[in-house]
Structures are given as structure tokens and as C-alpha cells.
Protein backbone atom coordinates (compact mmCIF):
# COMPACT_ATOMS: atom_id res chain seq x y z
CA UNK A 1 85.95 259.88 133.80
CA UNK A 2 89.83 259.35 133.69
CA UNK A 3 89.83 259.88 137.44
CA UNK A 4 88.17 256.54 138.31
CA UNK A 5 91.16 254.45 136.25
CA UNK A 6 93.77 253.02 138.37
CA UNK A 7 97.23 252.80 136.61
CA UNK A 8 97.89 249.43 134.94
CA UNK A 9 100.39 248.56 137.54
CA UNK A 10 98.02 248.73 140.38
CA UNK A 11 95.26 246.38 138.11
CA UNK A 12 94.72 243.00 139.86
CA UNK A 13 94.20 240.51 136.57
CA UNK A 14 95.65 237.29 137.53
CA UNK A 15 93.00 234.89 138.92
CA UNK A 16 95.32 232.39 140.43
CA UNK A 17 95.90 235.75 142.63
CA UNK A 18 92.74 236.61 143.04
CA UNK A 19 91.75 233.24 144.44
CA UNK A 20 94.78 232.95 146.69
CA UNK A 21 94.57 236.75 148.32
CA UNK A 22 90.40 235.50 148.55
CA UNK A 23 91.40 232.44 150.37
CA UNK A 24 94.59 233.19 152.30
CA UNK A 25 94.95 237.20 152.75
CA UNK A 26 93.78 238.54 155.83
CA UNK A 27 90.19 239.58 155.82
CA UNK A 28 87.73 242.41 157.31
CA UNK A 29 84.55 243.24 156.48
CA UNK A 30 81.82 245.57 156.58
CA UNK A 31 78.01 246.06 156.19
CA UNK A 32 79.06 246.84 152.00
CA UNK A 33 82.61 245.38 151.58
CA UNK A 34 84.68 242.78 152.34
CA UNK A 35 88.35 243.69 152.14
CA UNK A 36 91.08 240.40 151.38
CA UNK A 37 94.76 241.43 151.68
CA UNK A 38 97.18 239.23 150.98
CA UNK A 39 100.90 240.66 151.77
CA UNK A 40 104.33 239.58 149.99
CA UNK A 41 105.30 236.67 151.93
CA UNK A 42 102.34 235.21 151.79
CA UNK A 43 102.66 235.26 147.91
CA UNK A 44 105.71 233.52 147.74
CA UNK A 45 103.60 230.57 148.09
CA UNK A 46 101.72 230.59 145.01
CA UNK A 47 105.24 230.50 143.60
CA UNK A 48 105.67 234.47 142.43
CA UNK A 49 109.16 235.65 142.13
CA UNK A 50 110.99 237.85 144.45
CA UNK A 51 110.63 241.14 142.36
CA UNK A 52 108.88 244.12 144.29
CA UNK A 53 105.95 245.33 142.33
CA UNK A 54 103.30 247.86 142.92
CA UNK A 55 100.47 246.86 145.12
CA UNK A 56 97.70 245.68 143.20
CA UNK A 57 94.03 245.88 143.92
CA UNK A 58 91.27 243.82 142.02
CA UNK A 59 87.08 243.73 142.45
CA UNK A 60 84.65 241.21 143.06
CA UNK A 61 80.86 242.90 142.03
CA UNK A 62 78.22 239.91 141.78
CA UNK A 63 75.13 240.03 140.33
CA UNK A 64 73.42 240.08 144.11
CA UNK A 65 74.85 243.96 144.42
CA UNK A 66 72.38 244.47 141.59
CA UNK A 67 71.84 244.99 137.72
CA UNK A 68 75.16 246.12 135.51
CA UNK A 69 74.15 249.69 135.68
CA UNK A 70 74.70 249.12 139.97
CA UNK A 71 77.30 246.85 139.69
CA UNK A 72 79.42 248.91 137.38
CA UNK A 73 78.70 252.13 139.77
CA UNK A 74 80.02 250.10 142.76
CA UNK A 75 82.74 249.23 140.96
CA UNK A 76 84.08 252.74 139.71
CA UNK A 77 83.36 254.45 143.19
CA UNK A 78 84.98 251.43 144.85
CA UNK A 79 88.05 252.10 142.43
CA UNK A 80 88.37 255.78 143.16
CA UNK A 81 88.19 255.17 146.64
CA UNK A 82 90.91 253.08 146.40
CA UNK A 83 93.36 255.20 144.77
CA UNK A 84 93.86 257.25 147.82
CA UNK A 85 94.58 254.38 149.73
CA UNK A 86 97.61 252.27 147.61
CA UNK A 87 100.35 254.34 148.89
CA UNK A 88 99.01 252.58 152.43
CA UNK A 89 100.09 249.36 150.88
CA UNK A 90 103.06 247.77 151.20
CA UNK A 91 104.82 247.10 147.86
CA UNK A 92 103.93 243.67 146.09
CA UNK A 93 100.66 243.28 148.37
CA UNK A 94 97.84 242.51 147.26
CA UNK A 95 94.23 243.56 148.21
CA UNK A 96 90.63 242.19 146.78
CA UNK A 97 87.95 244.39 147.70
CA UNK A 98 84.40 242.06 147.78
CA UNK A 99 81.24 244.31 147.54
CA UNK A 100 78.25 243.08 149.70
CA UNK A 101 74.77 242.94 148.48
CA UNK A 102 74.28 246.39 150.87
CA UNK A 103 77.17 248.33 148.62
CA UNK A 104 74.64 248.65 145.54
CA UNK A 105 72.22 251.12 147.37
CA UNK A 106 75.26 252.47 149.63
CA UNK A 107 76.62 256.24 148.63
CA UNK A 108 80.31 256.82 148.03
CA UNK A 109 80.76 258.18 150.98
CA UNK A 110 79.59 254.88 152.92
CA UNK A 111 81.56 252.76 150.48
CA UNK A 112 84.99 255.13 150.98
CA UNK A 113 84.60 255.09 154.82
CA UNK A 114 83.97 250.96 154.89
CA UNK A 115 87.13 250.80 152.32
CA UNK A 116 89.46 252.92 154.88
CA UNK A 117 88.09 251.09 157.81
CA UNK A 118 88.17 247.64 156.90
CA UNK A 119 92.19 248.40 154.91
CA UNK A 120 93.21 249.59 158.40
CA UNK A 121 91.89 246.51 160.03
CA UNK A 122 93.65 244.14 157.10
CA UNK A 123 96.66 246.27 157.44
CA UNK A 124 97.02 245.85 161.04
CA UNK A 125 96.32 241.91 161.24
CA UNK A 126 99.29 241.75 158.75
CA UNK A 127 101.65 244.03 160.77
CA UNK A 128 100.71 241.54 163.99
CA UNK A 129 101.31 238.16 161.90
CA UNK A 130 104.55 239.43 160.63
């Protein structure tokens, strides 16, 4: 079970950063999920200090995805899929992954592929914006 746990320094727990990343971050979507990426420069808007932090990831899985068992399965799969992509995120970046209703019926392979595809797109958008 320990394989799906994100290290504490990679967990996004601040509700204000969740909200800011969702509203102001670069966004890319697929059938099963939407990824919102807030780059370090964008975090200055919410008054973060200049210290360099590890990239952080948070997940939003609503009741539209399914019952509690299905939602927790989706979160575990997304956490596991995200672990392999953390090194691609710039230091201090905030990634919010929001599961769509279709995520409840998706396999791990589908979720992982959609996450990779969305992450490629939001990272490219962020590099273009700089």
C-alpha cells in the first residue's frame, strides 16, 4: 500500500493554493481528468515567499465520479500515476488534478495516459507563457 503515498513535501494541502491553481493556472483536459498547473511565478500573486519548494500536487474527486469506494480508487490511481511525473514539474509548481465523471470507470492505464497527455500540454503552455 505504501506505493501510492506521495511524500509530504509533494502534497498540496493549502485550500487557497488549490483555489488559485484551479482558477489561474494553465489548464488541459481529457475525458477523465483536468489538470491545472500554477507555475512558481504565478504563485507570487497569492503572496508566497520566495523560497524554493518541491512541486506539490492535489486532487479533486467529486461525488460525480462515483461512491466513496470508486472515488478513493480513483484518488489512489491518480496519486500513483502522479508520482512518476513529479520530476517533470518545475520546483515550486502547484498541480491540481480534477477527476471527471468518466474517471470512475477508467482503468489505471487510461488515467495514467490522460494525466501524462494533460501534463505535457500544461507544461508546454507554461513554457510558452514565460
